[in-house]
């Protein structure tokens, strides 16, 4: 996916400029449990168990709810580098999904390019991926999944302008954290023993 590609690029550039991967462990991200809760909810509602046990009627609503939970976490961490782009990207995706009944529309051409042509005819594929196909009734279609990584490339998939902003913001966050020399200085700081009385007399 585009997130992995840009993330790897950010890591490589940061390492070449003297950055350290270990600094990512000290990223001061608050209320991370909200991100985890939102992602776990998405995994649950898109699982075969949920589809067979609970049906699909609530899936679009719960999908929007899960993104709202993630959005709250981003707002609480808005001061971090790249978070403005990440938040804007999520907002654009949320607008497209909400305006289309809880489904992210995808371009037929983009689906074919990415090798997902079966989604054009399979209702089950639509439910599993919580996506729909762009047609004359689609609202805010420029915000939908209209771009694609071709099927011949690794991590082929469709993506939106919101996804691009999300990935760019995440890459910025990774790069800024890895190259934050003040953070590295804090990690390397340790207390020196005090000089004994009279040491400088």
N, C-alpha and C. Protein backbone atom coordinates (compact mmCIF):
# COMPACT_ATOMS: atom_id res chain seq x y z
N UNK A 1 0.83 -1.20 0.00
CA UNK A 1 0.00 0.00 0.00
C UNK A 1 0.86 1.24 0.00
N UNK A 2 0.22 2.36 -0.33
CA UNK A 2 0.94 3.62 -0.41
C UNK A 2 1.52 4.02 0.95
N UNK A 3 0.86 3.62 2.04
CA UNK A 3 1.35 3.95 3.37
C UNK A 3 2.70 3.27 3.63
N UNK A 4 2.79 2.00 3.28
CA UNK A 4 4.03 1.25 3.50
C UNK A 4 5.14 1.82 2.63
N UNK A 5 4.83 2.12 1.37
CA UNK A 5 5.85 2.62 0.45
C UNK A 5 6.43 3.95 0.94
N UNK A 6 5.56 4.90 1.27
CA UNK A 6 6.05 6.21 1.72
C UNK A 6 6.70 6.10 3.09
N UNK A 7 6.21 5.19 3.92
CA UNK A 7 6.83 5.00 5.23
C UNK A 7 8.25 4.49 5.11
N UNK A 8 8.46 3.54 4.21
CA UNK A 8 9.81 3.01 3.99
C UNK A 8 10.74 4.08 3.43
N UNK A 9 10.23 4.89 2.53
CA UNK A 9 11.03 5.99 1.96
C UNK A 9 11.45 6.95 3.07
N UNK A 10 10.50 7.30 3.95
CA UNK A 10 10.81 8.21 5.05
C UNK A 10 11.87 7.62 5.97
N UNK A 11 11.77 6.33 6.26
CA UNK A 11 12.75 5.67 7.13
C UNK A 11 14.13 5.68 6.51
N UNK A 12 14.22 5.35 5.22
CA UNK A 12 15.52 5.31 4.53
C UNK A 12 16.15 6.70 4.51
N UNK A 13 15.39 7.72 4.15
CA UNK A 13 15.93 9.08 4.10
C UNK A 13 16.38 9.52 5.49
N UNK A 14 15.57 9.21 6.51
CA UNK A 14 15.94 9.60 7.87
C UNK A 14 17.23 8.92 8.31
N UNK A 15 17.39 7.63 7.98
CA UNK A 15 18.61 6.91 8.34
C UNK A 15 19.82 7.51 7.63
N UNK A 16 19.65 7.88 6.36
CA UNK A 16 20.75 8.48 5.61
C UNK A 16 21.16 9.83 6.17
N UNK A 17 20.23 10.49 6.84
CA UNK A 17 20.51 11.81 7.44
C UNK A 17 20.84 11.70 8.92
N UNK A 18 21.16 10.50 9.35
CA UNK A 18 21.60 10.32 10.74
C UNK A 18 20.49 10.04 11.73
N UNK A 19 19.31 9.78 11.26
CA UNK A 19 18.20 9.48 12.15
C UNK A 19 18.34 8.12 12.79
N UNK A 20 17.55 7.88 13.82
CA UNK A 20 17.60 6.61 14.54
C UNK A 20 16.21 6.00 14.66
N UNK A 21 16.10 4.72 14.31
CA UNK A 21 14.82 4.03 14.43
C UNK A 21 14.33 3.97 15.87
N UNK A 22 15.25 3.89 16.81
CA UNK A 22 14.87 3.75 18.22
C UNK A 22 14.07 4.95 18.72
N UNK A 23 14.22 6.10 18.07
CA UNK A 23 13.49 7.28 18.52
C UNK A 23 11.98 7.15 18.29
N UNK A 24 11.59 6.24 17.39
CA UNK A 24 10.16 6.03 17.16
C UNK A 24 9.49 5.49 18.42
N UNK A 25 10.25 4.79 19.25
CA UNK A 25 9.69 4.23 20.48
C UNK A 25 9.34 5.33 21.47
N UNK A 26 9.91 6.52 21.29
CA UNK A 26 9.67 7.62 22.21
C UNK A 26 8.70 8.65 21.64
N UNK A 27 8.00 8.28 20.57
CA UNK A 27 7.01 9.19 19.98
C UNK A 27 5.94 9.51 21.02
N UNK A 28 5.76 10.78 21.37
CA UNK A 28 4.82 11.15 22.44
C UNK A 28 3.37 11.18 21.96
N UNK A 29 2.88 10.04 21.49
CA UNK A 29 1.51 9.96 20.99
C UNK A 29 0.59 9.62 22.16
N UNK A 30 -0.36 10.51 22.43
CA UNK A 30 -1.26 10.32 23.57
C UNK A 30 -2.54 9.60 23.15
N UNK A 31 -3.11 8.88 24.09
CA UNK A 31 -4.39 8.19 23.88
C UNK A 31 -4.35 7.24 22.68
N UNK A 32 -3.25 6.50 22.57
CA UNK A 32 -3.11 5.56 21.45
C UNK A 32 -4.15 4.45 21.49
N UNK A 33 -4.75 4.23 22.65
CA UNK A 33 -5.78 3.19 22.76
C UNK A 33 -6.97 3.49 21.86
N UNK A 34 -7.19 4.77 21.53
CA UNK A 34 -8.28 5.12 20.62
C UNK A 34 -8.00 4.60 19.21
N UNK A 35 -6.75 4.73 18.77
CA UNK A 35 -6.37 4.20 17.46
C UNK A 35 -6.56 2.69 17.43
N UNK A 36 -6.09 2.03 18.49
CA UNK A 36 -6.22 0.58 18.57
C UNK A 36 -7.68 0.17 18.57
N UNK A 37 -8.52 0.88 19.33
CA UNK A 37 -9.94 0.55 19.41
C UNK A 37 -10.62 0.70 18.05
N UNK A 38 -10.30 1.80 17.34
CA UNK A 38 -10.90 2.02 16.03
C UNK A 38 -10.50 0.94 15.02
N UNK A 39 -9.23 0.57 15.02
CA UNK A 39 -8.75 -0.45 14.08
C UNK A 39 -9.31 -1.84 14.42
N UNK A 40 -9.37 -2.15 15.72
CA UNK A 40 -9.93 -3.44 16.12
C UNK A 40 -11.40 -3.55 15.75
N UNK A 41 -12.13 -2.44 15.85
CA UNK A 41 -13.54 -2.44 15.47
C UNK A 41 -13.68 -2.72 13.97
N UNK A 42 -12.80 -2.15 13.16
CA UNK A 42 -12.85 -2.40 11.72
C UNK A 42 -12.53 -3.86 11.41
N UNK A 43 -11.53 -4.41 12.07
CA UNK A 43 -11.19 -5.82 11.87
C UNK A 43 -12.38 -6.71 12.22
N UNK A 44 -13.06 -6.36 13.30
CA UNK A 44 -14.20 -7.16 13.76
C UNK A 44 -15.36 -7.12 12.76
N UNK A 45 -15.75 -5.93 12.34
CA UNK A 45 -16.96 -5.81 11.50
C UNK A 45 -16.73 -6.32 10.08
N UNK A 46 -15.46 -6.41 9.65
CA UNK A 46 -15.17 -6.92 8.31
C UNK A 46 -14.79 -8.40 8.33
N UNK A 47 -14.88 -9.03 9.50
CA UNK A 47 -14.51 -10.44 9.61
C UNK A 47 -15.66 -11.33 9.15
N UNK A 48 -15.34 -12.54 8.67
CA UNK A 48 -16.39 -13.49 8.29
C UNK A 48 -17.33 -13.80 9.46
N UNK A 49 -16.80 -13.87 10.68
CA UNK A 49 -17.64 -14.15 11.85
C UNK A 49 -18.75 -13.12 11.99
N UNK A 50 -18.39 -11.83 11.86
CA UNK A 50 -19.39 -10.77 12.00
C UNK A 50 -20.44 -10.88 10.89
N UNK A 51 -19.97 -11.11 9.67
CA UNK A 51 -20.89 -11.18 8.53
C UNK A 51 -21.88 -12.33 8.69
N UNK A 52 -21.39 -13.47 9.20
CA UNK A 52 -22.25 -14.64 9.34
C UNK A 52 -23.14 -14.58 10.58
N UNK A 53 -22.65 -13.91 11.63
CA UNK A 53 -23.38 -13.88 12.89
C UNK A 53 -24.26 -12.64 13.05
N UNK A 54 -23.71 -11.50 12.71
CA UNK A 54 -24.42 -10.24 12.95
C UNK A 54 -25.05 -9.65 11.69
N UNK A 55 -24.65 -10.17 10.53
CA UNK A 55 -25.16 -9.59 9.29
C UNK A 55 -24.36 -8.37 8.88
N UNK A 56 -24.87 -7.62 7.91
CA UNK A 56 -24.11 -6.48 7.37
C UNK A 56 -24.82 -5.14 7.54
N UNK A 57 -26.00 -5.15 8.13
CA UNK A 57 -26.78 -3.92 8.22
C UNK A 57 -26.07 -2.82 8.99
N UNK A 58 -25.36 -3.19 10.06
CA UNK A 58 -24.71 -2.20 10.91
C UNK A 58 -23.29 -1.86 10.47
N UNK A 59 -22.75 -2.61 9.53
CA UNK A 59 -21.36 -2.43 9.14
C UNK A 59 -21.03 -1.01 8.69
N UNK A 60 -21.81 -0.39 7.78
CA UNK A 60 -21.48 0.97 7.36
C UNK A 60 -21.46 1.97 8.52
N UNK A 61 -22.43 1.84 9.43
CA UNK A 61 -22.49 2.76 10.57
C UNK A 61 -21.32 2.57 11.52
N UNK A 62 -20.98 1.31 11.77
CA UNK A 62 -19.86 1.04 12.66
C UNK A 62 -18.53 1.43 12.03
N UNK A 63 -18.47 1.36 10.69
CA UNK A 63 -17.25 1.78 9.99
C UNK A 63 -17.03 3.28 10.19
N UNK A 64 -18.09 4.05 10.03
CA UNK A 64 -18.00 5.50 10.25
C UNK A 64 -17.64 5.78 11.71
N UNK A 65 -18.24 5.03 12.64
CA UNK A 65 -17.92 5.20 14.05
C UNK A 65 -16.45 4.92 14.32
N UNK A 66 -15.91 3.87 13.73
CA UNK A 66 -14.50 3.52 13.95
C UNK A 66 -13.58 4.63 13.46
N UNK A 67 -13.93 5.23 12.33
CA UNK A 67 -13.11 6.33 11.82
C UNK A 67 -13.24 7.57 12.69
N UNK A 68 -14.42 7.76 13.26
CA UNK A 68 -14.60 8.87 14.19
C UNK A 68 -13.75 8.72 15.43
N UNK A 69 -13.60 7.48 15.91
CA UNK A 69 -12.75 7.21 17.07
C UNK A 69 -11.29 7.54 16.74
N UNK A 70 -10.84 7.13 15.57
CA UNK A 70 -9.47 7.43 15.14
C UNK A 70 -9.29 8.93 14.98
N UNK A 71 -10.30 9.60 14.43
CA UNK A 71 -10.24 11.05 14.25
C UNK A 71 -10.05 11.76 15.60
N UNK A 72 -10.74 11.29 16.63
CA UNK A 72 -10.60 11.88 17.96
C UNK A 72 -9.16 11.77 18.46
N UNK A 73 -8.53 10.62 18.21
CA UNK A 73 -7.14 10.43 18.62
C UNK A 73 -6.21 11.40 17.90
N UNK A 74 -6.47 11.63 16.61
CA UNK A 74 -5.63 12.55 15.85
C UNK A 74 -5.76 13.97 16.37
N UNK A 75 -6.97 14.38 16.70
CA UNK A 75 -7.18 15.73 17.22
C UNK A 75 -6.43 15.91 18.54
N UNK A 76 -6.44 14.90 19.37
CA UNK A 76 -5.75 14.97 20.66
C UNK A 76 -4.24 15.03 20.50
N UNK A 77 -3.74 14.68 19.32
CA UNK A 77 -2.29 14.70 19.06
C UNK A 77 -1.93 15.65 17.93
N UNK A 78 -2.76 16.64 17.72
CA UNK A 78 -2.62 17.52 16.56
C UNK A 78 -1.28 18.28 16.53
N UNK A 79 -0.64 18.43 17.69
CA UNK A 79 0.61 19.18 17.76
C UNK A 79 1.80 18.43 17.16
N UNK A 80 1.65 17.14 16.94
CA UNK A 80 2.78 16.35 16.41
C UNK A 80 3.04 16.67 14.94
N UNK A 81 4.28 16.51 14.47
CA UNK A 81 4.61 16.77 13.06
C UNK A 81 3.80 15.87 12.13
N UNK A 82 3.30 16.45 11.05
CA UNK A 82 2.56 15.69 10.05
C UNK A 82 1.11 15.41 10.40
N UNK A 83 0.71 15.73 11.64
CA UNK A 83 -0.64 15.38 12.07
C UNK A 83 -1.71 16.19 11.33
N UNK A 84 -1.38 17.39 10.89
CA UNK A 84 -2.35 18.19 10.14
C UNK A 84 -2.70 17.49 8.83
N UNK A 85 -1.69 16.97 8.13
CA UNK A 85 -1.94 16.25 6.88
C UNK A 85 -2.71 14.95 7.13
N UNK A 86 -2.34 14.24 8.19
CA UNK A 86 -3.02 12.99 8.53
C UNK A 86 -4.48 13.24 8.82
N UNK A 87 -4.75 14.28 9.61
CA UNK A 87 -6.13 14.60 9.98
C UNK A 87 -6.94 15.04 8.77
N UNK A 88 -6.33 15.86 7.89
CA UNK A 88 -7.03 16.29 6.68
C UNK A 88 -7.35 15.10 5.79
N UNK A 89 -6.39 14.19 5.64
CA UNK A 89 -6.63 13.01 4.82
C UNK A 89 -7.76 12.15 5.35
N UNK A 90 -7.79 11.96 6.67
CA UNK A 90 -8.86 11.17 7.26
C UNK A 90 -10.21 11.87 7.09
N UNK A 91 -10.21 13.19 7.23
CA UNK A 91 -11.45 13.95 7.04
C UNK A 91 -12.00 13.78 5.62
N UNK A 92 -11.13 13.84 4.62
CA UNK A 92 -11.58 13.67 3.24
C UNK A 92 -12.16 12.28 3.01
N UNK A 93 -11.49 11.28 3.55
CA UNK A 93 -12.02 9.91 3.43
C UNK A 93 -13.35 9.76 4.15
N UNK A 94 -13.43 10.35 5.33
CA UNK A 94 -14.66 10.26 6.11
C UNK A 94 -15.81 10.96 5.41
N UNK A 95 -15.52 12.08 4.75
CA UNK A 95 -16.56 12.78 3.98
C UNK A 95 -17.10 11.90 2.87
N UNK A 96 -16.19 11.29 2.12
CA UNK A 96 -16.60 10.43 1.00
C UNK A 96 -17.41 9.23 1.49
N UNK A 97 -16.97 8.62 2.58
CA UNK A 97 -17.65 7.44 3.11
C UNK A 97 -19.03 7.80 3.66
N UNK A 98 -19.08 8.88 4.43
CA UNK A 98 -20.35 9.30 5.02
C UNK A 98 -21.35 9.71 3.96
N UNK A 99 -20.88 10.42 2.94
CA UNK A 99 -21.78 10.90 1.88
C UNK A 99 -22.32 9.76 1.03
N UNK A 100 -21.70 8.59 1.11
CA UNK A 100 -22.13 7.46 0.28
C UNK A 100 -22.59 6.28 1.12
N UNK A 101 -23.26 6.59 2.21
CA UNK A 101 -23.92 5.56 3.01
C UNK A 101 -23.01 4.63 3.76
N UNK A 102 -21.81 5.08 4.11
CA UNK A 102 -20.89 4.25 4.87
C UNK A 102 -20.00 3.36 4.04
N UNK A 103 -19.96 3.62 2.73
CA UNK A 103 -19.09 2.86 1.83
C UNK A 103 -18.15 3.82 1.09
N UNK A 104 -16.91 3.39 0.91
CA UNK A 104 -15.96 4.20 0.13
C UNK A 104 -16.10 3.84 -1.33
N UNK A 105 -16.53 4.78 -2.18
CA UNK A 105 -16.67 4.47 -3.61
C UNK A 105 -15.31 4.26 -4.25
N UNK A 106 -15.27 3.40 -5.24
CA UNK A 106 -14.03 3.13 -5.97
C UNK A 106 -14.30 3.18 -7.46
N UNK A 107 -13.36 3.74 -8.19
CA UNK A 107 -13.49 3.85 -9.64
C UNK A 107 -13.37 2.48 -10.29
N UNK A 108 -14.25 2.15 -11.24
CA UNK A 108 -14.12 0.86 -11.96
C UNK A 108 -12.76 0.70 -12.62
N UNK A 109 -12.27 1.78 -13.23
CA UNK A 109 -10.96 1.71 -13.89
C UNK A 109 -9.85 1.44 -12.88
N UNK A 110 -9.93 2.09 -11.71
CA UNK A 110 -8.91 1.88 -10.68
C UNK A 110 -8.96 0.44 -10.16
N UNK A 111 -10.17 -0.09 -9.99
CA UNK A 111 -10.31 -1.48 -9.52
C UNK A 111 -9.70 -2.46 -10.52
N UNK A 112 -9.97 -2.24 -11.79
CA UNK A 112 -9.40 -3.13 -12.81
C UNK A 112 -7.88 -3.01 -12.85
N UNK A 113 -7.37 -1.79 -12.76
CA UNK A 113 -5.92 -1.57 -12.80
C UNK A 113 -5.23 -2.29 -11.65
N UNK A 114 -5.86 -2.27 -10.47
CA UNK A 114 -5.27 -2.90 -9.29
C UNK A 114 -5.51 -4.40 -9.25
N UNK A 115 -6.28 -4.92 -10.20
CA UNK A 115 -6.55 -6.35 -10.23
C UNK A 115 -7.72 -6.78 -9.39
N UNK A 116 -8.62 -5.85 -9.09
CA UNK A 116 -9.78 -6.15 -8.26
C UNK A 116 -11.06 -6.06 -9.07
N UNK A 117 -11.02 -6.53 -10.29
CA UNK A 117 -12.18 -6.46 -11.16
C UNK A 117 -13.38 -7.23 -10.63
N UNK A 118 -13.13 -8.24 -9.74
CA UNK A 118 -14.24 -9.03 -9.22
C UNK A 118 -15.17 -8.21 -8.34
N UNK A 119 -14.67 -7.09 -7.80
CA UNK A 119 -15.52 -6.25 -6.97
C UNK A 119 -16.60 -5.54 -7.78
N UNK A 120 -16.43 -5.51 -9.10
CA UNK A 120 -17.42 -4.84 -9.94
C UNK A 120 -18.70 -5.65 -10.05
N UNK A 121 -18.63 -6.94 -9.80
CA UNK A 121 -19.80 -7.80 -9.96
C UNK A 121 -20.16 -8.58 -8.70
N UNK A 122 -19.30 -8.56 -7.70
CA UNK A 122 -19.53 -9.37 -6.50
C UNK A 122 -20.02 -8.51 -5.35
N UNK A 123 -21.25 -8.74 -4.93
CA UNK A 123 -21.80 -8.01 -3.78
C UNK A 123 -21.06 -8.39 -2.51
N UNK A 124 -20.62 -9.65 -2.43
CA UNK A 124 -19.90 -10.12 -1.25
C UNK A 124 -18.58 -9.39 -1.10
N UNK A 125 -17.90 -9.13 -2.23
CA UNK A 125 -16.63 -8.39 -2.18
C UNK A 125 -16.86 -6.97 -1.69
N UNK A 126 -17.99 -6.38 -2.08
CA UNK A 126 -18.31 -5.03 -1.62
C UNK A 126 -18.47 -5.00 -0.11
N UNK A 127 -19.17 -5.99 0.43
CA UNK A 127 -19.40 -6.04 1.87
C UNK A 127 -18.09 -6.26 2.62
N UNK A 128 -17.25 -7.17 2.13
CA UNK A 128 -15.99 -7.48 2.81
C UNK A 128 -15.06 -6.27 2.85
N UNK A 129 -15.07 -5.47 1.82
CA UNK A 129 -14.14 -4.34 1.74
C UNK A 129 -14.81 -3.00 2.06
N UNK A 130 -16.10 -3.04 2.35
CA UNK A 130 -16.86 -1.85 2.66
C UNK A 130 -16.65 -0.76 1.61
N UNK A 131 -16.67 -1.17 0.35
CA UNK A 131 -16.51 -0.24 -0.75
C UNK A 131 -17.66 -0.42 -1.73
N UNK A 132 -17.86 0.59 -2.53
CA UNK A 132 -18.87 0.52 -3.58
C UNK A 132 -18.24 0.99 -4.88
N UNK A 133 -18.93 0.79 -5.97
CA UNK A 133 -18.41 1.19 -7.28
C UNK A 133 -19.02 2.53 -7.67
N UNK A 134 -18.18 3.42 -8.13
CA UNK A 134 -18.64 4.75 -8.53
C UNK A 134 -19.64 4.64 -9.68
N UNK A 135 -20.76 5.33 -9.53
CA UNK A 135 -21.75 5.42 -10.61
C UNK A 135 -22.34 6.82 -10.62
N UNK A 136 -23.45 7.00 -11.34
CA UNK A 136 -24.03 8.35 -11.48
C UNK A 136 -24.62 8.86 -10.17
N UNK A 137 -24.80 8.00 -9.18
CA UNK A 137 -25.37 8.41 -7.91
C UNK A 137 -24.31 8.71 -6.85
N UNK A 138 -23.07 8.47 -7.18
CA UNK A 138 -21.99 8.67 -6.21
C UNK A 138 -21.79 10.15 -5.90
N UNK A 139 -21.66 10.44 -4.64
CA UNK A 139 -21.41 11.82 -4.20
C UNK A 139 -19.93 12.00 -3.87
N UNK A 140 -19.46 13.22 -4.14
CA UNK A 140 -18.06 13.57 -3.83
C UNK A 140 -17.07 12.57 -4.41
N UNK A 141 -17.32 12.13 -5.65
CA UNK A 141 -16.49 11.08 -6.24
C UNK A 141 -15.01 11.45 -6.36
N UNK A 142 -14.64 12.75 -6.50
CA UNK A 142 -13.19 13.03 -6.56
C UNK A 142 -12.45 12.63 -5.28
N UNK A 143 -13.18 12.47 -4.17
CA UNK A 143 -12.55 12.08 -2.92
C UNK A 143 -12.50 10.56 -2.75
N UNK A 144 -13.04 9.84 -3.72
CA UNK A 144 -13.12 8.38 -3.62
C UNK A 144 -11.80 7.73 -4.06
N UNK A 145 -11.80 6.40 -4.10
CA UNK A 145 -10.62 5.64 -4.53
C UNK A 145 -10.54 5.67 -6.06
N UNK A 146 -9.94 6.73 -6.58
CA UNK A 146 -9.86 6.89 -8.04
C UNK A 146 -8.46 6.64 -8.57
N UNK A 147 -7.51 6.35 -7.67
CA UNK A 147 -6.14 6.05 -8.07
C UNK A 147 -5.84 4.58 -7.77
N UNK A 148 -4.81 4.06 -8.43
CA UNK A 148 -4.50 2.65 -8.23
C UNK A 148 -3.02 2.38 -8.42
N UNK A 149 -2.51 1.44 -7.63
CA UNK A 149 -1.20 0.84 -7.89
C UNK A 149 -1.46 -0.38 -8.75
N UNK A 150 -0.89 -0.46 -9.94
CA UNK A 150 -1.19 -1.57 -10.87
C UNK A 150 -0.93 -2.94 -10.28
N UNK A 151 -1.69 -3.90 -10.76
CA UNK A 151 -1.61 -5.27 -10.25
C UNK A 151 -0.22 -5.88 -10.45
N UNK A 152 0.55 -5.38 -11.41
CA UNK A 152 1.87 -5.93 -11.66
C UNK A 152 2.90 -5.52 -10.60
N UNK A 153 2.53 -4.57 -9.74
CA UNK A 153 3.45 -4.09 -8.72
C UNK A 153 3.08 -4.67 -7.36
N UNK A 154 4.06 -4.76 -6.45
CA UNK A 154 3.75 -5.22 -5.09
C UNK A 154 2.77 -4.26 -4.41
N UNK A 155 1.97 -4.80 -3.51
CA UNK A 155 1.03 -4.01 -2.71
C UNK A 155 0.00 -3.28 -3.58
N UNK A 156 -0.39 -3.90 -4.70
CA UNK A 156 -1.38 -3.28 -5.59
C UNK A 156 -2.67 -3.01 -4.82
N UNK A 157 -3.23 -1.82 -5.04
CA UNK A 157 -4.47 -1.47 -4.36
C UNK A 157 -5.00 -0.17 -4.96
N UNK A 158 -6.25 0.15 -4.62
CA UNK A 158 -6.82 1.43 -5.00
C UNK A 158 -6.68 2.38 -3.81
N UNK A 159 -6.62 3.68 -4.11
CA UNK A 159 -6.48 4.64 -3.02
C UNK A 159 -7.04 5.99 -3.44
N UNK A 160 -7.24 6.83 -2.45
CA UNK A 160 -7.86 8.14 -2.65
C UNK A 160 -6.87 9.26 -2.38
N UNK A 161 -7.29 10.49 -2.67
CA UNK A 161 -6.46 11.65 -2.35
C UNK A 161 -6.29 11.76 -0.84
N UNK A 162 -7.33 11.34 -0.10
CA UNK A 162 -7.21 11.32 1.36
C UNK A 162 -6.14 10.36 1.82
N UNK A 163 -6.04 9.21 1.17
CA UNK A 163 -4.99 8.24 1.51
C UNK A 163 -3.60 8.82 1.25
N UNK A 164 -3.48 9.58 0.17
CA UNK A 164 -2.19 10.20 -0.16
C UNK A 164 -1.77 11.16 0.95
N UNK A 165 -2.72 12.00 1.39
CA UNK A 165 -2.42 12.95 2.46
C UNK A 165 -2.09 12.22 3.77
N UNK A 166 -2.84 11.17 4.05
CA UNK A 166 -2.56 10.35 5.24
C UNK A 166 -1.14 9.79 5.20
N UNK A 167 -0.77 9.24 4.05
CA UNK A 167 0.55 8.62 3.91
C UNK A 167 1.66 9.66 4.00
N UNK A 168 1.46 10.81 3.37
CA UNK A 168 2.46 11.88 3.44
C UNK A 168 2.63 12.38 4.86
N UNK A 169 1.51 12.55 5.56
CA UNK A 169 1.58 13.00 6.95
C UNK A 169 2.28 11.99 7.84
N UNK A 170 1.97 10.71 7.64
CA UNK A 170 2.61 9.66 8.42
C UNK A 170 4.11 9.59 8.14
N UNK A 171 4.48 9.76 6.86
CA UNK A 171 5.90 9.75 6.50
C UNK A 171 6.62 10.92 7.16
N UNK A 172 5.97 12.08 7.17
CA UNK A 172 6.55 13.26 7.83
C UNK A 172 6.74 13.01 9.32
N UNK A 173 5.74 12.39 9.95
CA UNK A 173 5.82 12.10 11.37
C UNK A 173 6.98 11.15 11.66
N UNK A 174 7.13 10.11 10.85
CA UNK A 174 8.21 9.15 11.03
C UNK A 174 9.57 9.83 10.86
N UNK A 175 9.71 10.61 9.78
CA UNK A 175 10.98 11.28 9.51
C UNK A 175 11.33 12.27 10.62
N UNK A 176 10.36 13.10 11.01
CA UNK A 176 10.62 14.11 12.04
C UNK A 176 10.99 13.46 13.37
N UNK A 177 10.36 12.35 13.70
CA UNK A 177 10.66 11.68 14.96
C UNK A 177 12.04 11.04 14.93
N UNK A 178 12.39 10.40 13.83
CA UNK A 178 13.70 9.74 13.73
C UNK A 178 14.85 10.72 13.71
N UNK A 179 14.64 11.92 13.21
CA UNK A 179 15.72 12.89 13.08
C UNK A 179 15.67 13.97 14.16
N UNK A 180 14.84 13.77 15.16
CA UNK A 180 14.70 14.75 16.25
C UNK A 180 15.90 14.63 17.18
N UNK A 181 16.88 15.53 17.01
CA UNK A 181 18.10 15.44 17.81
C UNK A 181 17.83 15.77 19.27
N UNK A 182 16.82 16.60 19.54
CA UNK A 182 16.53 16.91 20.94
C UNK A 182 15.99 15.67 21.64
N UNK A 183 15.20 14.88 20.92
CA UNK A 183 14.70 13.64 21.50
C UNK A 183 15.86 12.68 21.77
N UNK A 184 16.81 12.63 20.83
CA UNK A 184 17.96 11.76 21.04
C UNK A 184 18.79 12.22 22.22
N UNK A 185 18.90 13.53 22.41
CA UNK A 185 19.67 14.05 23.53
C UNK A 185 19.02 13.67 24.86
N UNK A 186 17.66 13.71 24.87
CA UNK A 186 16.95 13.33 26.10
C UNK A 186 17.19 11.87 26.43
N UNK A 187 17.23 11.01 25.40
CA UNK A 187 17.42 9.59 25.62
C UNK A 187 18.81 9.30 26.17
N UNK A 188 19.81 10.09 25.70
CA UNK A 188 21.20 9.82 26.06
C UNK A 188 21.63 10.51 27.35
N UNK A 189 20.72 11.31 27.93
CA UNK A 189 21.08 12.06 29.13
C UNK A 189 21.11 11.15 30.35
N UNK A 190 22.11 11.30 31.16
CA UNK A 190 22.17 10.57 32.42
C UNK A 190 22.79 11.47 33.47
N UNK A 191 22.55 11.19 34.73
CA UNK A 191 23.01 12.04 35.82
C UNK A 191 24.45 11.68 36.18
N UNK A 192 25.30 12.69 36.18
CA UNK A 192 26.67 12.50 36.61
C UNK A 192 26.76 12.60 38.12
N UNK A 193 27.64 11.85 38.74
CA UNK A 193 27.79 11.95 40.19
C UNK A 193 28.31 13.31 40.58
N UNK A 194 27.84 13.81 41.69
CA UNK A 194 28.31 15.11 42.15
C UNK A 194 29.75 14.99 42.65
N UNK A 195 30.50 16.08 42.48
CA UNK A 195 31.86 16.09 42.98
C UNK A 195 31.85 16.05 44.50
N UNK A 196 32.76 15.33 45.08
CA UNK A 196 32.82 15.29 46.55
C UNK A 196 33.21 16.66 47.10
N UNK A 197 32.79 16.96 48.30
CA UNK A 197 33.13 18.26 48.90
C UNK A 197 34.63 18.50 48.88
N UNK A 198 35.01 19.70 48.52
CA UNK A 198 36.42 20.07 48.51
C UNK A 198 37.19 19.59 47.32
N UNK A 199 36.51 19.01 46.30
CA UNK A 199 37.23 18.46 45.16
C UNK A 199 37.94 19.52 44.37
N UNK A 200 37.40 20.76 44.35
CA UNK A 200 38.00 21.81 43.55
C UNK A 200 38.80 22.81 44.38
N UNK A 201 39.07 22.45 45.65
CA UNK A 201 39.83 23.38 46.50
C UNK A 201 41.32 23.23 46.27
